[in-house]
Structures are given as C-alpha cells and as structure tokens.
Protein backbone atom coordinates (compact mmCIF):
# COMPACT_ATOMS: atom_id res chain seq x y z
CA MET A 1 7.65 -71.96 41.04
CA ASN A 2 5.29 -75.37 43.03
CA ARG A 3 5.50 -77.67 40.02
CA SER A 4 2.53 -79.07 40.24
CA GLY A 5 -0.12 -78.93 37.40
CA GLN A 6 -2.67 -77.07 39.20
CA SER A 7 -0.47 -74.55 40.14
CA ILE A 8 1.09 -74.27 36.49
CA ALA A 9 -2.51 -73.67 35.21
CA HIS A 10 -3.17 -70.64 37.36
CA LEU A 11 0.15 -69.15 36.33
CA ASP A 12 0.61 -66.36 33.35
CA LEU A 13 4.18 -67.66 33.46
CA PHE A 14 5.55 -70.42 33.16
CA ARG A 15 8.70 -72.86 32.58
CA GLY A 16 7.86 -75.13 29.37
CA SER A 17 10.22 -77.69 31.50
CA GLU A 18 8.85 -77.62 34.73
CA ALA A 19 5.06 -77.75 32.84
CA VAL A 20 6.28 -80.74 31.08
CA ALA A 21 7.97 -82.15 34.32
CA ALA A 22 4.81 -82.08 35.84
CA GLY A 23 2.47 -83.77 33.89
CA PHE A 24 0.99 -81.08 33.02
CA LEU A 25 1.91 -80.61 29.38
CA HIS A 26 3.12 -82.81 26.51
CA ARG A 27 6.21 -81.40 25.32
CA ASP A 28 4.14 -80.91 21.49
CA ASP A 29 2.35 -79.13 23.07
CA LEU A 30 4.61 -76.60 23.11
CA ARG A 31 4.56 -76.20 20.03
CA THR A 32 0.49 -75.33 19.72
CA ASP A 33 -1.50 -72.46 19.73
CA ARG A 34 -2.22 -73.53 23.75
CA VAL A 35 1.09 -71.48 24.77
CA GLN A 36 2.75 -68.26 23.71
CA ARG A 37 6.53 -68.27 23.84
CA LEU A 38 8.14 -65.40 25.16
CA PHE A 39 11.63 -66.46 25.54
CA ARG A 40 13.59 -69.98 25.82
CA ASP A 41 11.87 -72.55 28.29
CA VAL A 42 9.63 -69.15 29.43
CA TYR A 43 5.92 -69.10 28.48
CA THR A 44 2.45 -67.64 28.82
CA TRP A 45 -1.56 -69.00 27.95
CA THR A 46 -2.85 -67.75 24.85
CA GLY A 47 -5.02 -65.44 25.46
CA VAL A 48 -3.18 -64.00 28.38
CA PRO A 49 -2.40 -60.13 27.04
CA VAL A 50 1.10 -59.55 27.06
CA THR A 51 2.68 -56.44 27.48
CA HIS A 52 6.21 -54.64 28.63
CA GLU A 53 5.82 -55.89 32.32
CA LEU A 54 5.23 -59.46 31.59
CA ARG A 55 8.12 -59.87 28.92
CA THR A 56 10.54 -58.39 31.34
CA ARG A 57 9.23 -60.55 34.02
CA ALA A 58 9.75 -63.72 31.66
CA ALA A 59 13.38 -62.39 31.23
CA ALA A 60 13.92 -62.43 34.22
CA LEU A 61 12.32 -65.90 34.69
CA ALA A 62 14.66 -66.90 31.39
CA LEU A 63 18.21 -65.18 32.19
CA PRO A 64 20.47 -66.98 35.65
CA ALA A 65 20.49 -65.38 38.45
CA GLY A 66 22.55 -62.36 38.89
CA THR A 67 21.17 -60.20 36.30
CA VAL A 68 19.04 -57.02 36.95
CA ILE A 69 16.17 -56.16 35.68
CA THR A 70 17.34 -51.85 34.57
CA GLY A 71 16.84 -48.93 32.38
CA ARG A 72 13.99 -48.27 30.59
CA SER A 73 12.47 -51.30 31.79
CA ALA A 74 13.23 -50.92 34.99
CA ALA A 75 11.03 -47.18 34.02
CA THR A 76 8.48 -48.58 32.55
CA LEU A 77 7.69 -51.42 35.36
CA ARG A 78 7.62 -48.44 38.23
CA GLY A 79 5.13 -46.11 35.85
CA ALA A 80 7.05 -44.51 33.07
CA GLN A 81 6.38 -44.38 29.83
CA VAL A 82 8.89 -45.44 28.04
CA CYS A 83 8.12 -48.86 26.28
CA TRP A 84 6.21 -50.50 24.35
CA THR A 85 5.41 -54.19 24.41
CA ASP A 86 8.00 -55.63 22.12
CA ASP A 87 10.65 -53.49 23.64
CA PRO A 88 13.72 -55.35 24.25
CA VAL A 89 14.28 -56.06 27.76
CA HIS A 90 17.33 -53.74 29.72
CA VAL A 91 19.62 -55.97 31.27
CA VAL A 92 22.48 -54.80 33.50
CA ALA A 93 25.25 -58.14 34.49
CA PRO A 94 27.77 -58.24 36.89
CA LEU A 95 31.30 -58.66 34.66
CA GLU A 96 31.85 -61.84 36.18
CA LEU A 97 28.43 -62.90 35.41
CA ARG A 98 27.98 -65.40 32.18
CA VAL A 99 25.28 -64.76 30.12
CA GLY A 100 24.36 -66.00 26.50
CA ARG A 101 22.98 -63.42 24.44
CA ARG A 102 19.19 -63.48 24.26
CA THR A 103 16.91 -62.65 21.40
CA GLY A 104 14.35 -59.45 22.69
CA VAL A 105 16.82 -58.85 25.58
CA LEU A 106 19.63 -55.69 25.60
CA LEU A 107 22.31 -57.12 27.78
CA ARG A 108 24.86 -54.39 29.23
CA ARG A 109 27.84 -55.44 31.49
CA THR A 110 28.96 -53.68 34.20
CA GLU A 111 30.20 -54.03 37.93
CA LEU A 112 27.66 -53.93 40.01
CA ALA A 113 26.89 -53.11 44.31
CA PRO A 114 24.70 -54.88 46.13
CA GLU A 115 23.00 -51.29 46.47
CA ASP A 116 21.93 -51.06 42.85
CA TYR A 117 19.85 -53.55 42.75
CA ALA A 118 17.04 -55.30 45.49
CA PRO A 119 14.88 -58.61 44.59
CA TRP A 120 11.98 -58.55 42.22
CA GLY A 121 9.78 -61.27 41.11
CA PRO A 122 11.70 -63.97 40.26
CA GLY A 123 15.19 -62.17 39.43
CA ASN A 124 15.88 -58.64 40.47
CA LEU A 125 15.25 -55.48 40.17
CA ALA A 126 17.18 -52.11 39.48
CA SER A 127 17.37 -49.73 42.35
CA PRO A 128 16.02 -46.21 40.90
CA LEU A 129 19.74 -44.23 40.93
CA ARG A 130 20.81 -47.77 39.17
CA MET A 131 18.16 -47.71 36.70
CA GLY A 132 18.70 -43.84 36.05
CA LEU A 133 22.24 -44.34 35.07
CA ASP A 134 21.33 -46.89 32.69
CA LEU A 135 18.34 -44.89 30.85
CA LEU A 136 21.70 -42.60 30.36
CA LEU A 137 25.27 -44.54 29.51
CA GLY A 138 26.01 -45.75 26.39
CA ARG A 139 22.59 -44.68 25.16
CA PRO A 140 22.32 -41.61 22.29
CA LEU A 141 21.20 -38.53 23.33
CA PRO A 142 18.15 -37.79 21.98
CA GLU A 143 17.11 -41.12 23.02
CA SER A 144 18.18 -41.05 26.80
CA VAL A 145 16.87 -37.31 27.19
CA ALA A 146 13.52 -38.59 26.54
CA ASP A 147 13.14 -41.51 28.35
CA LEU A 148 14.92 -39.74 31.49
CA ASP A 149 12.17 -36.35 31.17
CA GLN A 150 9.55 -39.22 31.26
CA ALA A 151 10.90 -41.11 34.15
CA LEU A 152 11.22 -37.69 35.96
CA LYS A 153 7.80 -36.56 35.08
CA ALA A 154 6.90 -39.80 36.54
CA GLY A 155 8.60 -38.87 39.55
CA ILE A 156 10.69 -42.68 39.92
CA ILE A 157 14.14 -40.85 39.73
CA ASP A 158 15.57 -38.05 42.34
CA ARG A 159 17.01 -35.55 40.01
CA PRO A 160 20.04 -34.29 42.36
CA THR A 161 21.01 -38.31 43.36
CA LEU A 162 21.10 -38.92 40.33
CA ALA A 163 23.00 -35.42 38.66
CA ALA A 164 25.43 -35.82 41.91
CA ALA A 165 26.39 -39.84 40.83
CA LEU A 166 27.08 -38.59 37.71
CA ARG A 167 29.36 -35.61 39.09
CA SER A 168 31.09 -38.85 40.50
CA ARG A 169 31.56 -41.49 38.18
CA ARG A 170 33.85 -42.27 35.19
CA ASP A 171 32.01 -44.28 33.66
CA LYS A 172 32.35 -45.08 29.64
CA GLY A 173 29.65 -42.50 27.90
CA ILE A 174 29.62 -40.24 31.08
CA ARG A 175 29.99 -37.11 29.36
CA ILE A 176 27.24 -37.86 27.07
CA ALA A 177 25.39 -39.14 30.32
CA ARG A 178 26.33 -35.86 32.01
CA GLN A 179 24.33 -33.70 29.14
CA ALA A 180 21.56 -35.20 28.79
CA GLU A 181 21.16 -34.86 32.42
CA ALA A 182 21.10 -31.24 32.12
CA LEU A 183 19.20 -31.37 28.70
CA ALA A 184 16.17 -33.30 30.30
CA THR A 185 13.38 -30.97 31.77
CA GLY A 186 10.75 -33.77 33.13
CA VAL A 187 7.68 -31.77 31.05
CA ALA A 188 7.44 -33.25 27.90
CA ASP A 189 4.42 -35.38 26.73
CA SER A 190 5.86 -37.55 24.64
CA HIS A 191 9.82 -39.39 23.61
CA PRO A 192 9.42 -37.15 19.55
CA GLU A 193 8.56 -34.01 21.73
CA SER A 194 11.62 -34.67 23.88
CA LYS A 195 13.86 -35.72 20.75
CA VAL A 196 12.89 -32.72 18.97
CA ARG A 197 13.69 -29.89 21.56
CA VAL A 198 17.27 -31.83 22.63
CA HIS A 199 17.91 -31.59 17.83
CA LEU A 200 16.80 -28.08 18.16
CA VAL A 201 18.95 -27.05 21.77
CA LEU A 202 22.35 -28.94 19.64
CA ALA A 203 21.40 -26.76 17.01
CA GLY A 204 21.99 -23.25 19.46
CA LEU A 205 18.11 -22.52 19.88
CA ASP A 206 16.24 -22.30 22.72
CA PRO A 207 12.51 -24.11 22.39
CA VAL A 208 10.44 -23.39 25.64
CA ALA A 209 9.13 -26.62 26.27
CA GLN A 210 4.69 -27.23 26.68
CA HIS A 211 4.23 -23.47 26.29
CA TRP A 212 0.75 -22.42 26.84
CA ILE A 213 -0.86 -19.75 23.49
CA GLU A 214 -3.08 -16.70 25.05
CA VAL A 215 -5.33 -14.25 23.78
CA GLU A 216 -6.51 -11.48 26.00
CA GLY A 217 -5.62 -13.65 29.03
CA GLU A 218 -7.49 -16.70 27.73
CA ARG A 219 -5.65 -19.98 27.10
CA ILE A 220 -6.05 -21.09 23.83
CA ALA A 221 -3.54 -23.63 23.00
CA GLN A 222 -0.81 -25.67 25.16
CA VAL A 223 2.06 -26.19 22.78
CA ASP A 224 4.95 -28.81 22.65
CA LEU A 225 7.45 -25.85 22.11
CA ALA A 226 7.54 -22.38 21.34
CA PHE A 227 9.69 -19.73 20.78
CA PRO A 228 7.47 -16.58 22.30
CA LYS A 229 9.06 -13.89 21.59
CA ARG A 230 8.79 -14.88 17.65
CA ARG A 231 5.18 -16.06 17.67
CA VAL A 232 6.42 -19.70 16.84
CA ALA A 233 5.27 -23.51 17.55
CA VAL A 234 6.70 -26.12 16.99
CA GLU A 235 4.52 -29.33 17.08
CA TYR A 236 4.66 -33.04 17.01
CA ASP A 237 1.71 -34.18 14.87
CA GLY A 238 1.53 -37.76 15.62
CA SER A 239 -1.06 -38.92 18.48
CA TRP A 240 1.31 -39.37 21.78
CA ARG A 241 -0.43 -36.45 23.55
CA GLU A 242 -0.93 -36.81 26.83
CA ASN A 243 -4.59 -34.21 26.38
CA GLN A 244 -5.61 -34.91 23.23
CA LEU A 245 -7.57 -31.61 23.97
CA TRP A 246 -4.96 -29.72 23.37
CA ALA A 247 -3.30 -31.48 19.70
CA LEU A 248 -2.99 -28.45 17.22
CA ASN A 249 -3.03 -31.67 14.28
CA HIS A 250 -6.50 -32.76 16.09
CA ASP A 251 -8.11 -29.18 15.99
CA ARG A 252 -8.39 -26.44 13.20
CA ALA A 253 -11.14 -24.82 14.64
CA ARG A 254 -7.80 -24.36 17.63
CA LEU A 255 -4.94 -24.28 15.21
CA ASN A 256 -7.25 -21.60 13.24
CA ARG A 257 -7.46 -19.24 16.73
CA VAL A 258 -3.77 -19.92 17.25
CA GLN A 259 -2.90 -18.41 13.48
CA SER A 260 -4.90 -15.60 13.88
CA ALA A 261 -3.55 -14.43 17.07
CA GLY A 262 -0.11 -13.75 14.94
CA TRP A 263 1.63 -17.25 15.43
CA ARG A 264 3.03 -19.59 12.92
CA VAL A 265 3.33 -23.13 13.72
CA VAL A 266 5.34 -25.92 12.37
CA PHE A 267 4.30 -29.50 12.63
CA VAL A 268 6.88 -32.03 13.29
CA THR A 269 6.01 -36.03 11.23
CA ALA A 270 7.60 -38.54 12.20
CA ALA A 271 9.38 -38.77 8.70
CA LEU A 272 10.65 -35.42 9.48
CA LEU A 273 11.96 -36.41 13.07
CA ARG A 274 14.52 -38.59 11.28
CA THR A 275 16.23 -36.17 9.59
CA PRO A 276 16.91 -34.04 11.81
CA ARG A 277 18.71 -31.35 9.42
CA ARG A 278 15.83 -30.90 7.49
CA MET A 279 13.44 -30.39 10.29
CA ILE A 280 15.94 -27.90 11.63
CA ALA A 281 16.26 -26.02 8.66
CA GLU A 282 12.14 -25.71 8.60
CA ILE A 283 11.61 -24.37 12.25
CA GLN A 284 14.99 -21.97 11.29
CA ALA A 285 13.30 -20.63 8.18
CA ALA A 286 9.99 -19.74 10.32
CA LEU A 287 12.20 -17.97 12.56
CA ALA A 288 13.34 -16.73 10.23
CA HIS A 289 9.89 -15.26 8.68
CA PRO A 290 7.59 -15.77 11.71
CA HIS A 291 4.44 -14.31 10.08
CA ASP A 292 4.83 -15.01 6.50
C-alpha cells in the first residue's frame, strides 16, 4: 500500500496505523464517525457501502500472510449468492501458521498445497476446488448442500472434479461431505429451498426441485418442490425467489389456479424450517391426504 496521505484518502480500505503514520489521520480520528472499523487496524471511510466482498478484503488485509479466503466467502466473491454482509469471513490456514482468533472470521486449519490458492488482493483466494471442499467439510449437511447448490448454479465449481476429490480424500467429516455433494442439485432458487429438500430426502421422501405445474399444456406456476404424482407442492414462504413472478405466496390468483387444478400447496415459513420434524410431519400429512 502506498503510504502517502493522498493515496489513503482515495482507498476504500486502509490500515489505521498507516494512515496515522502518514500524517493523514490523527489517532483520535480512528474513534470518530469519520471512519468505520472493519477489523483490528483495518478501516473504511464512513459512507462507503460495506459488503461481504469489502469485509473479505478487509479480513485478508488484517490476517497474517499465508491465510486463504475460502468456502462461502470465496464463493460469494466468485458470484454465488451465499453470504450476507455480516456473515463471517471464511478463512483456511496451514497447520503451522499461527493465527489469532478474530471476531467476524471463521477459521479452519488444514494442510494446504500450492495449487489450493492463488494471490488475491491483499491476501490469497482458494482455488475453485479448495473452495468447494471447504463449503462441505466440517459443516452441517443442510447448510453445506444449500451453499453447494448455489455454487453449482453459478457455475463456479466443476462438479466431477469436486466429486473425484471427495472420493480420494480422508479428511475428518468426509462422509458427510460426500453425502452433501450427492444431494446437491444446483437448481435451487434459495438456501431455504435447499434445506427443506435435504430434510425431506433424509426423511425418505423424494421431492422434485423447481417443478412446473401445467394445466392443459400451459405452465401456470413453478414451485420450489413438488410431488407430482400426489399433486402436492412445497413452497418456502419468504422473499428469496429469483423470479417473484411465480411466487405463490405473492400471487393469490395464481395460487387459486394451482389449487383449482387439484394441487395442494404447503407453505414452509422460516419458523417451520427451524423445526424440521414438525415440517416433515405437515408435508407427510399433505401427501397422505393431498386433496383434502
């Protein structure tokens, strides 16, 4: 980083210690509303939009050399919709590197090969394969499937390469990681949709993702999940859909047409998704009595 005050003024990220050393800021300025602190000694100017990408670059600037941005943060940088602004920055570090814990950073330690990462901004960015492995390893099954769905949908992971790597590795948690890869479809509109589907599959059900309901050859609605033979649809009742035009919870006229065509729709709220057993029971009840 150029240490001149003029250059610091035009940066969206800077080290506070460097700004003070350059004489551009006084130490007391770092405690005013002129700046926003992102990580220890790393700041942005007040008014700069704070995104997960900005926070990821800030983490890379704050962390020791040798750490690697990976997992959900790397996927977000590559265009997959997996992280919100305030989500922890996902980082992996080699076993021998000493890295202190930091608020806002989720750190894993593992062996890293030279091909696992490349220089990026102030730090390193995981390769697509390393990123894919860290999306799956050591994470709960529904969450890892949901993230992999979005990464596959964005086209940022080569699935055969990832599957081959999972078959050959013996990492802790590799069995669940392989299961997550097998469960991913790459077509889900949202994280909640993926999580609902994983819970249903684990309960022995077989929903079809992103199913079109047709009436006399006309497509009238695309639903998150469906059991076509039973004419039961499952929709996440939220604002996640990419195409709100087809969201039944926003379009009562379309919902009426779906129901008139003999379909029963089960809406899954955020609260219901947090109680998987209850959610599964409600969907199983709908399947047992689809036209009640």
